[in-house]
PDB file of N, CA and C in Angstrom:
ATOM      1  N   UNK A   1      79.548 130.505  68.354  1.00  0.00           N
ATOM      2  CA  UNK A   1      78.898 131.549  67.604  1.00  0.00           C
ATOM      3  C   UNK A   1      79.934 132.404  66.882  1.00  0.00           C
ATOM      4  N   UNK A   2      81.065 132.621  67.537  1.00  0.00           N
ATOM      5  CA  UNK A   2      82.100 133.448  66.941  1.00  0.00           C
ATOM      6  C   UNK A   2      82.654 132.797  65.679  1.00  0.00           C
ATOM      7  N   UNK A   3      82.862 131.458  65.723  1.00  0.00           N
ATOM      8  CA  UNK A   3      83.406 130.750  64.563  1.00  0.00           C
ATOM      9  C   UNK A   3      82.452 130.845  63.379  1.00  0.00           C
ATOM     10  N   UNK A   4      81.140 130.708  63.629  1.00  0.00           N
ATOM     11  CA  UNK A   4      80.161 130.788  62.549  1.00  0.00           C
ATOM     12  C   UNK A   4      80.193 132.172  61.919  1.00  0.00           C
ATOM     13  N   UNK A   5      80.293 133.202  62.733  1.00  0.00           N
ATOM     14  CA  UNK A   5      80.367 134.564  62.214  1.00  0.00           C
ATOM     15  C   UNK A   5      81.624 134.753  61.388  1.00  0.00           C
ATOM     16  N   UNK A   6      82.750 134.194  61.853  1.00  0.00           N
ATOM     17  CA  UNK A   6      83.998 134.309  61.105  1.00  0.00           C
ATOM     18  C   UNK A   6      83.903 133.605  59.758  1.00  0.00           C
ATOM     19  N   UNK A   7      83.263 132.433  59.724  1.00  0.00           N
ATOM     20  CA  UNK A   7      83.105 131.703  58.464  1.00  0.00           C
ATOM     21  C   UNK A   7      82.200 132.490  57.528  1.00  0.00           C
ATOM     22  N   UNK A   8      81.106 133.033  58.051  1.00  0.00           N
ATOM     23  CA  UNK A   8      80.208 133.840  57.218  1.00  0.00           C
ATOM     24  C   UNK A   8      80.908 135.041  56.634  1.00  0.00           C
ATOM     25  N   UNK A   9      81.729 135.689  57.424  1.00  0.00           N
ATOM     26  CA  UNK A   9      82.485 136.849  56.943  1.00  0.00           C
ATOM     27  C   UNK A   9      83.487 136.431  55.880  1.00  0.00           C
ATOM     28  N   UNK A  10      84.130 135.294  56.069  1.00  0.00           N
ATOM     29  CA  UNK A  10      85.097 134.806  55.082  1.00  0.00           C
ATOM     30  C   UNK A  10      84.408 134.480  53.767  1.00  0.00           C
ATOM     31  N   UNK A  11      83.230 133.875  53.819  1.00  0.00           N
ATOM     32  CA  UNK A  11      82.494 133.547  52.592  1.00  0.00           C
ATOM     33  C   UNK A  11      82.088 134.824  51.871  1.00  0.00           C
ATOM     34  N   UNK A  12      81.596 135.816  52.615  1.00  0.00           N
ATOM     35  CA  UNK A  12      81.223 137.091  51.991  1.00  0.00           C
ATOM     36  C   UNK A  12      82.432 137.745  51.337  1.00  0.00           C
ATOM     37  N   UNK A  13      83.576 137.654  51.996  1.00  0.00           N
ATOM     38  CA  UNK A  13      84.800 138.232  51.438  1.00  0.00           C
ATOM     39  C   UNK A  13      85.187 137.535  50.141  1.00  0.00           C
ATOM     40  N   UNK A  14      85.077 136.202  50.118  1.00  0.00           N
ATOM     41  CA  UNK A  14      85.420 135.449  48.913  1.00  0.00           C
ATOM     42  C   UNK A  14      84.461 135.755  47.771  1.00  0.00           C
ATOM     43  N   UNK A  15      83.183 135.895  48.086  1.00  0.00           N
ATOM     44  CA  UNK A  15      82.206 136.228  47.050  1.00  0.00           C
ATOM     45  C   UNK A  15      82.506 137.614  46.506  1.00  0.00           C
ATOM     46  N   UNK A  16      82.875 138.542  47.401  1.00  0.00           N
ATOM     47  CA  UNK A  16      83.193 139.902  46.982  1.00  0.00           C
ATOM     48  C   UNK A  16      84.458 139.953  46.124  1.00  0.00           C
ATOM     49  N   UNK A  17      85.348 138.995  46.285  1.00  0.00           N
ATOM     50  CA  UNK A  17      86.598 138.975  45.515  1.00  0.00           C
ATOM     51  C   UNK A  17      86.433 138.214  44.198  1.00  0.00           C
ATOM     52  N   UNK A  18      85.215 138.133  43.698  1.00  0.00           N
ATOM     53  CA  UNK A  18      84.903 137.482  42.425  1.00  0.00           C
ATOM     54  C   UNK A  18      85.161 135.981  42.435  1.00  0.00           C
ATOM     55  N   UNK A  19      85.102 135.360  43.578  1.00  0.00           N
ATOM     56  CA  UNK A  19      85.196 133.905  43.617  1.00  0.00           C
ATOM     57  C   UNK A  19      83.855 133.324  43.206  1.00  0.00           C
ATOM     58  N   UNK A  20      82.826 134.089  43.440  1.00  0.00           N
ATOM     59  CA  UNK A  20      81.485 133.616  43.139  1.00  0.00           C
ATOM     60  C   UNK A  20      80.982 132.695  44.231  1.00  0.00           C
ATOM     61  N   UNK A  21      79.712 132.383  44.144  1.00  0.00           N
ATOM     62  CA  UNK A  21      79.116 131.518  45.166  1.00  0.00           C
ATOM     63  C   UNK A  21      79.701 130.123  45.124  1.00  0.00           C
ATOM     64  N   UNK A  22      79.933 129.594  43.948  1.00  0.00           N
ATOM     65  CA  UNK A  22      80.471 128.229  43.831  1.00  0.00           C
ATOM     66  C   UNK A  22      81.876 128.148  44.416  1.00  0.00           C
ATOM     67  N   UNK A  23      82.695 129.136  44.145  1.00  0.00           N
ATOM     68  CA  UNK A  23      84.056 129.148  44.686  1.00  0.00           C
ATOM     69  C   UNK A  23      84.061 129.272  46.194  1.00  0.00           C
ATOM     70  N   UNK A  24      83.188 130.134  46.713  1.00  0.00           N
ATOM     71  CA  UNK A  24      83.100 130.308  48.158  1.00  0.00           C
ATOM     72  C   UNK A  24      82.585 129.034  48.812  1.00  0.00           C
ATOM     73  N   UNK A  25      81.613 128.371  48.156  1.00  0.00           N
ATOM     74  CA  UNK A  25      81.084 127.118  48.702  1.00  0.00           C
ATOM     75  C   UNK A  25      82.160 126.037  48.706  1.00  0.00           C
ATOM     76  N   UNK A  26      82.938 125.958  47.647  1.00  0.00           N
ATOM     77  CA  UNK A  26      84.032 124.978  47.574  1.00  0.00           C
ATOM     78  C   UNK A  26      85.033 125.223  48.700  1.00  0.00           C
ATOM     79  N   UNK A  27      85.372 126.475  48.920  1.00  0.00           N
ATOM     80  CA  UNK A  27      86.316 126.826  49.989  1.00  0.00           C
ATOM     81  C   UNK A  27      85.760 126.408  51.348  1.00  0.00           C
ATOM     82  N   UNK A  28      84.467 126.699  51.561  1.00  0.00           N
ATOM     83  CA  UNK A  28      83.845 126.370  52.842  1.00  0.00           C
ATOM     84  C   UNK A  28      83.807 124.863  53.063  1.00  0.00           C
ATOM     85  N   UNK A  29      83.459 124.102  52.034  1.00  0.00           N
ATOM     86  CA  UNK A  29      83.413 122.646  52.151  1.00  0.00           C
ATOM     87  C   UNK A  29      84.791 122.090  52.482  1.00  0.00           C
ATOM     88  N   UNK A  30      85.820 122.608  51.836  1.00  0.00           N
ATOM     89  CA  UNK A  30      87.185 122.146  52.121  1.00  0.00           C
ATOM     90  C   UNK A  30      87.585 122.452  53.558  1.00  0.00           C
ATOM     91  N   UNK A  31      87.229 123.637  54.044  1.00  0.00           N
ATOM     92  CA  UNK A  31      87.566 124.012  55.431  1.00  0.00           C
ATOM     93  C   UNK A  31      86.853 123.099  56.431  1.00  0.00           C
ATOM     94  N   UNK A  32      85.579 122.802  56.163  1.00  0.00           N
ATOM     95  CA  UNK A  32      84.825 121.944  57.065  1.00  0.00           C
ATOM     96  C   UNK A  32      85.371 120.522  57.060  1.00  0.00           C
ATOM     97  N   UNK A  33      85.754 120.012  55.897  1.00  0.00           N
ATOM     98  CA  UNK A  33      86.347 118.677  55.821  1.00  0.00           C
ATOM     99  C   UNK A  33      87.673 118.620  56.563  1.00  0.00           C
ATOM    100  N   UNK A  34      88.475 119.672  56.432  1.00  0.00           N
ATOM    101  CA  UNK A  34      89.760 119.719  57.143  1.00  0.00           C
ATOM    102  C   UNK A  34      89.540 119.735  58.652  1.00  0.00           C
ATOM    103  N   UNK A  35      88.542 120.481  59.097  1.00  0.00           N
ATOM    104  CA  UNK A  35      88.245 120.532  60.531  1.00  0.00           C
ATOM    105  C   UNK A  35      87.764 119.175  61.027  1.00  0.00           C
ATOM    106  N   UNK A  36      86.955 118.476  60.226  1.00  0.00           N
ATOM    107  CA  UNK A  36      86.481 117.153  60.606  1.00  0.00           C
ATOM    108  C   UNK A  36      87.632 116.162  60.691  1.00  0.00           C
ATOM    109  N   UNK A  37      88.550 116.221  59.726  1.00  0.00           N
ATOM    110  CA  UNK A  37      89.706 115.318  59.758  1.00  0.00           C
ATOM    111  C   UNK A  37      90.584 115.603  60.965  1.00  0.00           C
ATOM    112  N   UNK A  38      90.746 116.864  61.319  1.00  0.00           N
ATOM    113  CA  UNK A  38      91.572 117.222  62.480  1.00  0.00           C
ATOM    114  C   UNK A  38      90.959 116.657  63.759  1.00  0.00           C
ATOM    115  N   UNK A  39      89.638 116.613  63.835  1.00  0.00           N
ATOM    116  CA  UNK A  39      88.969 116.064  65.011  1.00  0.00           C
ATOM    117  C   UNK A  39      89.121 114.559  65.121  1.00  0.00           C
ATOM    118  N   UNK A  40      89.315 113.871  64.015  1.00  0.00           N
ATOM    119  CA  UNK A  40      89.433 112.409  64.023  1.00  0.00           C
ATOM    120  C   UNK A  40      90.813 111.929  64.432  1.00  0.00           C
ATOM    121  N   UNK A  41      91.788 112.766  64.410  1.00  0.00           N
ATOM    122  CA  UNK A  41      93.155 112.336  64.719  1.00  0.00           C
ATOM    123  C   UNK A  41      93.289 111.785  66.130  1.00  0.00           C
ATOM    124  N   UNK A  42      92.443 112.220  67.037  1.00  0.00           N
ATOM    125  CA  UNK A  42      92.527 111.827  68.441  1.00  0.00           C
ATOM    126  C   UNK A  42      91.589 110.677  68.791  1.00  0.00           C
ATOM    127  N   UNK A  43      91.027 110.015  67.803  1.00  0.00           N
ATOM    128  CA  UNK A  43      89.964 109.037  68.040  1.00  0.00           C
ATOM    129  C   UNK A  43      90.407 107.876  68.938  1.00  0.00           C
ATOM    130  N   UNK A  44      91.637 107.376  68.820  1.00  0.00           N
ATOM    131  CA  UNK A  44      92.065 106.224  69.589  1.00  0.00           C
ATOM    132  C   UNK A  44      92.494 106.535  71.004  1.00  0.00           C
ATOM    133  N   UNK A  45      92.614 107.783  71.343  1.00  0.00           N
ATOM    134  CA  UNK A  45      93.121 108.160  72.656  1.00  0.00           C
ATOM    135  C   UNK A  45      92.108 107.944  73.774  1.00  0.00           C
ATOM    136  N   UNK A  46      90.840 108.142  73.520  1.00  0.00           N
ATOM    137  CA  UNK A  46      89.876 108.130  74.608  1.00  0.00           C
ATOM    138  C   UNK A  46      89.758 106.756  75.265  1.00  0.00           C
ATOM    139  N   UNK A  47      89.835 105.692  74.492  1.00  0.00           N
ATOM    140  CA  UNK A  47      89.709 104.353  75.073  1.00  0.00           C
ATOM    141  C   UNK A  47      90.838 104.066  76.049  1.00  0.00           C
ATOM    142  N   UNK A  48      92.054 104.386  75.675  1.00  0.00           N
ATOM    143  CA  UNK A  48      93.182 104.133  76.576  1.00  0.00           C
ATOM    144  C   UNK A  48      93.133 105.044  77.792  1.00  0.00           C
ATOM    145  N   UNK A  49      92.670 106.268  77.615  1.00  0.00           N
ATOM    146  CA  UNK A  49      92.553 107.168  78.768  1.00  0.00           C
ATOM    147  C   UNK A  49      91.510 106.656  79.752  1.00  0.00           C
ATOM    148  N   UNK A  50      90.375 106.180  79.243  1.00  0.00           N
ATOM    149  CA  UNK A  50      89.365 105.612  80.132  1.00  0.00           C
ATOM    150  C   UNK A  50      89.897 104.379  80.852  1.00  0.00           C
ATOM    151  N   UNK A  51      90.636 103.552  80.143  1.00  0.00           N
ATOM    152  CA  UNK A  51      91.188 102.342  80.754  1.00  0.00           C
ATOM    153  C   UNK A  51      92.167 102.698  81.873  1.00  0.00           C
ATOM    154  N   UNK A  52      93.044 103.656  81.623  1.00  0.00           N
ATOM    155  CA  UNK A  52      94.006 104.060  82.654  1.00  0.00           C
ATOM    156  C   UNK A  52      93.291 104.696  83.847  1.00  0.00           C
ATOM    157  N   UNK A  53      92.269 105.490  83.585  1.00  0.00           N
ATOM    158  CA  UNK A  53      91.498 106.093  84.678  1.00  0.00           C
ATOM    159  C   UNK A  53      90.796 105.047  85.519  1.00  0.00           C
ATOM    160  N   UNK A  54      90.248 104.022  84.864  1.00  0.00           N
ATOM    161  CA  UNK A  54      89.574 102.947  85.585  1.00  0.00           C
ATOM    162  C   UNK A  54      90.555 102.154  86.441  1.00  0.00           C
ATOM    163  N   UNK A  55      91.719 101.865  85.894  1.00  0.00           N
ATOM    164  CA  UNK A  55      92.742 101.132  86.651  1.00  0.00           C
ATOM    165  C   UNK A  55      93.195 101.952  87.857  1.00  0.00           C
ATOM    166  N   UNK A  56      93.397 103.246  87.652  1.00  0.00           N
ATOM    167  CA  UNK A  56      93.823 104.109  88.761  1.00  0.00           C
ATOM    168  C   UNK A  56      92.747 104.189  89.837  1.00  0.00           C
ATOM    169  N   UNK A  57      91.487 104.283  89.428  1.00  0.00           N
ATOM    170  CA  UNK A  57      90.395 104.343  90.405  1.00  0.00           C
ATOM    171  C   UNK A  57      90.284 103.046  91.200  1.00  0.00           C
ATOM    172  N   UNK A  58      90.470 101.916  90.533  1.00  0.00           N
ATOM    173  CA  UNK A  58      90.421 100.617  91.230  1.00  0.00           C
ATOM    174  C   UNK A  58      91.584 100.482  92.212  1.00  0.00           C
ATOM    175  N   UNK A  59      92.758 100.912  91.812  1.00  0.00           N
ATOM    176  CA  UNK A  59      93.916 100.852  92.704  1.00  0.00           C
ATOM    177  C   UNK A  59      93.702 101.746  93.928  1.00  0.00           C
ATOM    178  N   UNK A  60      93.172 102.947  93.703  1.00  0.00           N
ATOM    179  CA  UNK A  60      92.902 103.857  94.806  1.00  0.00           C
ATOM    180  C   UNK A  60      91.850 103.264  95.745  1.00  0.00           C
ATOM    181  N   UNK A  61      90.816 102.641  95.173  1.00  0.00           N
ATOM    182  CA  UNK A  61      89.774 102.020  95.992  1.00  0.00           C
ATOM    183  C   UNK A  61      90.337 100.877  96.826  1.00  0.00           C
ATOM    184  N   UNK A  62      91.234 100.085  96.250  1.00  0.00           N
ATOM    185  CA  UNK A  62      91.840  98.973  96.990  1.00  0.00           C
ATOM    186  C   UNK A  62      92.681  99.483  98.159  1.00  0.00           C
ATOM    187  N   UNK A  63      93.471 100.527  97.926  1.00  0.00           N
ATOM    188  CA  UNK A  63      94.288 101.106  99.000  1.00  0.00           C
ATOM    189  C   UNK A  63      93.400 101.691 100.085  1.00  0.00           C
ATOM    190  N   UNK A  64      92.358 102.415  99.684  1.00  0.00           N
ATOM    191  CA  UNK A  64      91.441 103.014 100.650  1.00  0.00           C
ATOM    192  C   UNK A  64      90.722 101.939 101.459  1.00  0.00           C
ATOM    193  N   UNK A  65      90.322 100.855 100.819  1.00  0.00           N
ATOM    194  CA  UNK A  65      89.658  99.750 101.522  1.00  0.00           C
ATOM    195  C   UNK A  65      90.588  99.139 102.561  1.00  0.00           C
ATOM    196  N   UNK A  66      91.857  98.937 102.195  1.00  0.00           N
ATOM    197  CA  UNK A  66      92.824  98.363 103.146  1.00  0.00           C
ATOM    198  C   UNK A  66      93.026  99.288 104.338  1.00  0.00           C
ATOM    199  N   UNK A  67      93.072 100.583 104.082  1.00  0.00           N
ATOM    200  CA  UNK A  67      93.280 101.539 105.175  1.00  0.00           C
ATOM    201  C   UNK A  67      92.072 101.569 106.105  1.00  0.00           C
ATOM    202  N   UNK A  68      90.880 101.641 105.533  1.00  0.00           N
ATOM    203  CA  UNK A  68      89.671 101.762 106.359  1.00  0.00           C
ATOM    204  C   UNK A  68      89.396 100.484 107.139  1.00  0.00           C
ATOM    205  N   UNK A  69      89.723  99.326 106.594  1.00  0.00           N
ATOM    206  CA  UNK A  69      89.450  98.070 107.303  1.00  0.00           C
ATOM    207  C   UNK A  69      90.583  97.647 108.231  1.00  0.00           C
ATOM    208  N   UNK A  70      91.623  98.461 108.333  1.00  0.00           N
ATOM    209  CA  UNK A  70      92.714  98.115 109.252  1.00  0.00           C
ATOM    210  C   UNK A  70      92.234  98.277 110.698  1.00  0.00           C
ATOM    211  N   UNK A  71      92.932  97.620 111.627  1.00  0.00           N
ATOM    212  CA  UNK A  71      92.550  97.639 113.049  1.00  0.00           C
ATOM    213  C   UNK A  71      92.595  99.050 113.635  1.00  0.00           C
ATOM    214  N   UNK A  72      93.618  99.799 113.299  1.00  0.00           N
ATOM    215  CA  UNK A  72      93.771 101.137 113.883  1.00  0.00           C
ATOM    216  C   UNK A  72      92.634 102.061 113.463  1.00  0.00           C
ATOM    217  N   UNK A  73      92.337 102.086 112.194  1.00  0.00           N
ATOM    218  CA  UNK A  73      91.280 102.976 111.690  1.00  0.00           C
ATOM    219  C   UNK A  73      89.915 102.477 112.140  1.00  0.00           C
ATOM    220  N   UNK A  74      89.718 101.185 112.117  1.00  0.00           N
ATOM    221  CA  UNK A  74      88.442 100.624 112.555  1.00  0.00           C
ATOM    222  C   UNK A  74      88.169 100.971 114.020  1.00  0.00           C
ATOM    223  N   UNK A  75      89.185 100.836 114.867  1.00  0.00           N
ATOM    224  CA  UNK A  75      89.031 101.185 116.286  1.00  0.00           C
ATOM    225  C   UNK A  75      88.752 102.665 116.475  1.00  0.00           C
ATOM    226  N   UNK A  76      89.453 103.510 115.729  1.00  0.00           N
ATOM    227  CA  UNK A  76      89.228 104.952 115.841  1.00  0.00           C
ATOM    228  C   UNK A  76      87.819 105.328 115.407  1.00  0.00           C
ATOM    229  N   UNK A  77      87.348 104.721 114.331  1.00  0.00           N
ATOM    230  CA  UNK A  77      85.988 105.008 113.861  1.00  0.00           C
ATOM    231  C   UNK A  77      84.945 104.542 114.875  1.00  0.00           C
ATOM    232  N   UNK A  78      85.151 103.371 115.449  1.00  0.00           N
ATOM    233  CA  UNK A  78      84.201 102.857 116.440  1.00  0.00           C
ATOM    234  C   UNK A  78      84.168 103.734 117.683  1.00  0.00           C
ATOM    235  N   UNK A  79      85.328 104.188 118.132  1.00  0.00           N
ATOM    236  CA  UNK A  79      85.336 105.047 119.320  1.00  0.00           C
ATOM    237  C   UNK A  79      84.703 106.408 119.036  1.00  0.00           C
ATOM    238  N   UNK A  80      84.923 106.940 117.837  1.00  0.00           N
ATOM    239  CA  UNK A  80      84.327 108.233 117.462  1.00  0.00           C
ATOM    240  C   UNK A  80      82.811 108.111 117.376  1.00  0.00           C
ATOM    241  N   UNK A  81      82.331 107.052 116.753  1.00  0.00           N
ATOM    242  CA  UNK A  81      80.890 106.849 116.647  1.00  0.00           C
ATOM    243  C   UNK A  81      80.286 106.599 118.029  1.00  0.00           C
ATOM    244  N   UNK A  82      80.980 105.843 118.857  1.00  0.00           N
ATOM    245  CA  UNK A  82      80.500 105.588 120.222  1.00  0.00           C
ATOM    246  C   UNK A  82      80.397 106.871 121.028  1.00  0.00           C
ATOM    247  N   UNK A  83      81.419 107.738 120.941  1.00  0.00           N
ATOM    248  CA  UNK A  83      81.369 109.010 121.667  1.00  0.00           C
ATOM    249  C   UNK A  83      80.253 109.903 121.129  1.00  0.00           C
ATOM    250  N   UNK A  84      80.013 109.872 119.826  1.00  0.00           N
ATOM    251  CA  UNK A  84      78.959 110.699 119.246  1.00  0.00           C
ATOM    252  C   UNK A  84      77.584 110.228 119.697  1.00  0.00           C
ATOM    253  N   UNK A  85      77.401 108.915 119.818  1.00  0.00           N
ATOM    254  CA  UNK A  85      76.099 108.404 120.242  1.00  0.00           C
ATOM    255  C   UNK A  85      75.869 108.576 121.739  1.00  0.00           C
ATOM    256  N   UNK A  86      76.936 108.624 122.534  1.00  0.00           N
ATOM    257  CA  UNK A  86      76.821 108.780 123.997  1.00  0.00           C
ATOM    258  C   UNK A  86      76.863 110.237 124.428  1.00  0.00           C
ATOM    259  N   UNK A  87      76.933 111.162 123.496  1.00  0.00           N
ATOM    260  CA  UNK A  87      77.040 112.579 123.837  1.00  0.00           C
ATOM    261  C   UNK A  87      75.727 113.073 124.445  1.00  0.00           C
ATOM    262  N   UNK A  88      75.840 113.902 125.506  1.00  0.00           N
ATOM    263  CA  UNK A  88      74.617 114.437 126.127  1.00  0.00           C
ATOM    264  C   UNK A  88      74.018 115.545 125.235  1.00  0.00           C
ATOM    265  N   UNK A  89      72.705 115.600 125.234  1.00  0.00           N
ATOM    266  CA  UNK A  89      72.034 116.614 124.421  1.00  0.00           C
ATOM    267  C   UNK A  89      71.681 117.805 125.251  1.00  0.00           C
TER     268      UNK A  89
END
Protein backbone atom coordinates (compact mmCIF):
# COMPACT_ATOMS: atom_id res chain seq x y z
CA UNK A 1 0.00 0.00 0.00
CA UNK A 2 2.87 2.33 0.80
CA UNK A 3 4.45 1.84 -2.65
CA UNK A 4 1.15 2.64 -4.41
CA UNK A 5 0.80 5.83 -2.38
CA UNK A 6 4.38 6.81 -3.21
CA UNK A 7 3.76 6.25 -6.94
CA UNK A 8 0.54 8.27 -6.79
CA UNK A 9 2.35 11.11 -5.07
CA UNK A 10 5.15 11.00 -7.64
CA UNK A 11 2.65 11.16 -10.52
CA UNK A 12 0.86 14.13 -8.92
CA UNK A 13 4.21 15.85 -8.48
CA UNK A 14 5.12 15.29 -12.13
CA UNK A 15 1.75 16.58 -13.32
CA UNK A 16 2.20 19.64 -11.09
CA UNK A 17 5.64 20.27 -12.63
CA UNK A 18 4.05 20.74 -16.08
CA UNK A 19 4.90 17.26 -17.28
CA UNK A 20 1.25 16.81 -18.04
CA UNK A 21 -0.71 13.61 -17.83
CA UNK A 22 1.05 12.03 -20.81
CA UNK A 23 4.50 12.73 -19.38
CA UNK A 24 3.53 11.40 -15.97
CA UNK A 25 2.02 8.29 -17.58
CA UNK A 26 5.19 7.71 -19.61
CA UNK A 27 7.28 8.01 -16.45
CA UNK A 28 5.02 5.58 -14.59
CA UNK A 29 5.10 3.02 -17.42
CA UNK A 30 8.90 3.17 -17.54
CA UNK A 31 9.15 2.68 -13.76
CA UNK A 32 6.80 -0.31 -13.86
CA UNK A 33 8.72 -1.91 -16.74
CA UNK A 34 12.00 -1.42 -14.88
CA UNK A 35 10.53 -3.04 -11.77
CA UNK A 36 9.27 -5.98 -13.86
CA UNK A 37 12.69 -6.46 -15.46
CA UNK A 38 14.37 -6.36 -12.05
CA UNK A 39 12.07 -9.16 -10.88
CA UNK A 40 13.01 -11.36 -13.85
CA UNK A 41 16.73 -11.32 -13.14
CA UNK A 42 16.34 -14.06 -10.53
CA UNK A 43 14.19 -16.36 -12.67
CA UNK A 44 16.73 -19.21 -13.03
CA UNK A 45 17.62 -19.41 -9.36
CA UNK A 46 14.50 -21.06 -8.01
CA UNK A 47 14.90 -24.33 -9.93
CA UNK A 48 18.42 -24.93 -8.68
CA UNK A 49 17.46 -23.97 -5.14
CA UNK A 50 14.58 -26.45 -5.17
CA UNK A 51 16.88 -29.14 -6.56
CA UNK A 52 19.50 -28.55 -3.85
CA UNK A 53 16.81 -28.54 -1.15
CA UNK A 54 15.40 -31.82 -2.44
CA UNK A 55 18.83 -33.44 -2.52
CA UNK A 56 19.56 -32.24 1.02
CA UNK A 57 16.21 -33.53 2.28
CA UNK A 58 16.80 -36.95 0.68
CA UNK A 59 20.29 -37.17 2.18
CA UNK A 60 18.94 -36.23 5.62
CA UNK A 61 16.16 -38.82 5.28
CA UNK A 62 18.68 -41.53 4.34
CA UNK A 63 20.88 -40.73 7.36
CA UNK A 64 17.86 -40.64 9.67
CA UNK A 65 16.60 -43.97 8.29
CA UNK A 66 19.99 -45.60 8.91
CA UNK A 67 20.07 -44.28 12.47
CA UNK A 68 16.52 -45.32 13.35
CA UNK A 69 16.87 -48.82 11.85
CA UNK A 70 20.17 -49.51 13.61
CA UNK A 71 20.24 -52.21 16.32
CA UNK A 72 20.98 -49.80 19.17
CA UNK A 73 18.16 -47.38 18.41
CA UNK A 74 15.73 -50.14 17.51
CA UNK A 75 16.38 -51.88 20.85
CA UNK A 76 16.02 -48.63 22.79
CA UNK A 77 12.73 -47.84 21.07
CA UNK A 78 11.37 -51.33 21.72
CA UNK A 79 12.30 -51.21 25.40
CA UNK A 80 10.77 -47.72 25.79
CA UNK A 81 7.54 -48.79 24.12
CA UNK A 82 7.48 -52.00 26.18
CA UNK A 83 7.91 -50.08 29.44
CA UNK A 84 5.18 -47.62 28.41
CA UNK A 85 2.72 -50.42 27.66
CA UNK A 86 3.54 -52.30 30.91
CA UNK A 87 3.21 -49.20 33.09
CA UNK A 88 0.64 -49.47 35.90
CA UNK A 89 -2.30 -47.09 35.72
